Amino acid sequence: RRRLPETVINDLLFAHQNPAALSRYLLRSGRREEEQKSSGIWVSSAAGSTAAVLSAGGKVMPFRSRHIQYVVREPFLWKGKPCRMVRGLTAGDLSVTSLMSRAMVFIDGSRLRCPVAFGDAVTISPGAAPLNVVGFSPDKRLRWFA
């Protein structure tokens, strides 16, 4: 078991090392699990819920939410059955077990890459400690300055 010293601030993508290739994995959330084929899975914190996860069909989460959100990218109709676990929120762990030999976890875009071997399980947990953001008030709308 290896723990990454990195904190995922916005989002994480679990996919084939070539994100355009088909990904195969076992997804677990709580008591639910499902073997899937897709383009990968986006997982985000509340801070990352306005970026890739939102574009992939997720929802914007309240800024102070302690949940993590997942959205399956382009689920593949497999064995004539659609994926049931296409998106969701969890306050617990989310686990993805690789069923491919060349998987990769991409953290916060291309900031960090971590290879994943066949049979390796990647467990994503909500943060234990809040992240302090300087100069941001969650009660006000974000303003962009040119």
Protein backbone atom coordinates (compact mmCIF):
# COMPACT_ATOMS: atom_id res chain seq x y z
CA ARG A 1 0.00 0.00 0.00
CA ARG A 2 1.38 3.37 -1.00
CA ARG A 3 0.01 6.73 0.09
CA LEU A 4 0.64 9.74 -2.08
CA PRO A 5 1.89 12.74 -0.13
CA GLU A 6 -0.03 15.01 -2.51
CA THR A 7 -3.37 16.63 -1.73
CA VAL A 8 -5.86 16.77 -4.56
CA ILE A 9 -7.01 20.36 -4.51
CA ASN A 10 -9.42 20.36 -7.45
CA ASP A 11 -9.81 17.08 -9.28
CA LEU A 12 -8.37 13.75 -10.21
CA LEU A 13 -8.74 11.76 -13.42
CA PHE A 14 -8.39 7.96 -13.37
CA ALA A 15 -7.93 6.74 -16.96
CA HIS A 16 -5.73 4.80 -19.35
CA GLN A 17 -2.25 6.34 -19.61
CA ASN A 18 -3.49 7.63 -22.96
CA PRO A 19 -6.69 9.42 -21.86
CA ALA A 20 -8.20 8.91 -25.34
CA ALA A 21 -8.03 5.10 -24.94
CA LEU A 22 -10.69 2.87 -23.35
CA SER A 23 -10.38 2.44 -19.57
CA ARG A 24 -11.53 -0.69 -17.74
CA TYR A 25 -11.90 -0.77 -13.95
CA LEU A 26 -14.02 -1.75 -10.96
CA LEU A 27 -15.69 1.22 -9.24
CA ARG A 28 -16.71 0.98 -5.56
CA SER A 29 -18.60 3.53 -3.47
CA GLY A 30 -19.96 2.35 -0.13
CA ARG A 31 -21.69 -0.99 -0.70
CA ARG A 32 -22.14 -0.39 -4.43
CA GLU A 33 -19.69 -1.66 -7.02
CA GLU A 34 -19.67 -2.00 -10.76
CA GLU A 35 -17.23 -3.14 -13.42
CA GLN A 36 -17.09 -0.47 -16.10
CA LYS A 37 -15.55 0.52 -19.40
CA SER A 38 -15.37 4.22 -20.23
CA SER A 39 -12.99 7.05 -21.03
CA GLY A 40 -12.16 7.26 -17.31
CA ILE A 41 -13.54 8.79 -14.14
CA TRP A 42 -13.36 12.36 -12.88
CA VAL A 43 -13.29 12.77 -9.10
CA SER A 44 -13.46 16.21 -7.52
CA SER A 45 -13.53 18.13 -4.29
CA ALA A 46 -15.97 21.00 -3.80
CA ALA A 47 -13.27 23.38 -5.07
CA GLY A 48 -12.93 21.38 -8.30
CA SER A 49 -16.64 20.93 -8.92
CA THR A 50 -16.82 23.99 -11.19
CA ALA A 51 -14.25 22.66 -13.68
CA ALA A 52 -13.89 19.29 -15.48
CA VAL A 53 -16.51 17.48 -13.38
CA LEU A 54 -19.10 20.14 -14.19
CA SER A 55 -18.25 19.95 -17.91
CA ALA A 56 -18.63 16.16 -17.74
CA GLY A 57 -22.16 16.39 -16.27
CA GLY A 58 -21.51 16.82 -12.54
CA LYS A 59 -22.95 19.42 -10.20
CA VAL A 60 -21.41 22.45 -8.51
CA MET A 61 -20.97 21.56 -4.85
CA PRO A 62 -21.28 23.97 -1.91
CA PHE A 63 -17.87 25.47 -1.18
CA ARG A 64 -17.74 24.00 2.34
CA SER A 65 -18.85 20.50 1.30
CA ARG A 66 -16.73 17.64 2.65
CA HIS A 67 -18.02 15.21 0.00
CA ILE A 68 -16.23 14.02 -3.10
CA GLN A 69 -18.02 13.77 -6.43
CA TYR A 70 -17.39 11.34 -9.28
CA VAL A 71 -18.49 11.41 -12.90
CA VAL A 72 -17.80 8.62 -15.39
CA ARG A 73 -16.53 9.96 -18.71
CA GLU A 74 -18.36 8.55 -21.72
CA PRO A 75 -19.60 5.25 -20.21
CA PHE A 76 -19.45 2.31 -22.61
CA LEU A 77 -22.54 0.13 -23.10
CA TRP A 78 -21.09 -3.25 -22.16
CA LYS A 79 -22.74 -6.66 -22.36
CA GLY A 80 -25.91 -4.85 -23.37
CA LYS A 81 -26.16 -3.07 -20.02
CA PRO A 82 -25.71 0.63 -19.29
CA CYS A 83 -23.58 1.71 -16.32
CA ARG A 84 -25.62 2.36 -13.16
CA MET A 85 -22.88 4.23 -11.28
CA VAL A 86 -22.37 7.12 -13.70
CA ARG A 87 -22.18 9.94 -11.17
CA GLY A 88 -22.47 10.41 -7.46
CA LEU A 89 -21.44 12.05 -4.20
CA THR A 90 -19.88 10.33 -1.22
CA ALA A 91 -18.72 11.40 2.21
CA GLY A 92 -16.73 8.16 2.38
CA ASP A 93 -14.06 6.54 0.26
CA LEU A 94 -14.29 5.94 -3.47
CA SER A 95 -12.23 3.04 -4.80
CA VAL A 96 -11.20 2.33 -8.40
CA THR A 97 -9.42 -0.97 -9.16
CA SER A 98 -7.54 -1.03 -12.45
CA LEU A 99 -8.48 -3.80 -14.90
CA MET A 100 -5.90 -2.58 -17.43
CA SER A 101 -2.13 -2.76 -17.52
CA ARG A 102 -1.40 0.90 -18.22
CA ALA A 103 -3.65 3.09 -16.11
CA MET A 104 -2.77 6.52 -14.79
CA VAL A 105 -4.03 8.92 -12.15
CA PHE A 106 -3.76 12.57 -13.18
CA ILE A 107 -3.99 14.98 -10.24
CA ASP A 108 -5.08 18.60 -10.73
CA GLY A 109 -4.68 18.53 -14.50
CA SER A 110 -1.15 17.59 -15.45
CA ARG A 111 0.41 18.71 -12.15
CA LEU A 112 1.06 15.15 -11.01
CA ARG A 113 0.82 11.75 -12.74
CA CYS A 114 0.91 8.42 -10.96
CA PRO A 115 1.02 5.12 -12.91
CA VAL A 116 -1.37 2.36 -11.83
CA ALA A 117 -0.79 -1.34 -12.59
CA PHE A 118 -3.34 -4.07 -13.31
CA GLY A 119 -5.12 -5.02 -10.07
CA ASP A 120 -4.01 -1.93 -8.15
CA ALA A 121 -6.79 -0.20 -6.20
CA VAL A 122 -6.79 3.58 -5.98
CA THR A 123 -8.74 4.85 -2.97
CA ILE A 124 -9.80 8.47 -2.86
CA SER A 125 -10.84 9.84 0.54
CA PRO A 126 -12.33 13.18 1.52
CA GLY A 127 -9.75 15.43 3.17
CA ALA A 128 -9.32 15.22 6.92
CA ALA A 129 -8.37 18.87 7.29
CA PRO A 130 -9.88 21.91 5.59
CA LEU A 131 -7.78 23.80 3.10
CA ASN A 132 -7.24 27.46 3.94
CA VAL A 133 -7.78 29.75 0.98
CA VAL A 134 -6.39 33.26 1.39
CA GLY A 135 -8.34 36.15 -0.12
CA PHE A 136 -11.53 34.23 -0.93
CA SER A 137 -14.91 34.56 0.70
CA PRO A 138 -17.23 31.61 0.01
CA ASP A 139 -20.22 33.86 0.69
CA LYS A 140 -19.49 36.13 -2.26
CA ARG A 141 -19.38 35.41 -5.97
CA LEU A 142 -16.02 35.01 -7.62
CA ARG A 143 -15.00 38.00 -9.69
CA TRP A 144 -12.56 37.79 -12.55
CA PHE A 145 -10.33 40.75 -13.27
CA ALA A 146 -8.69 41.37 -16.64
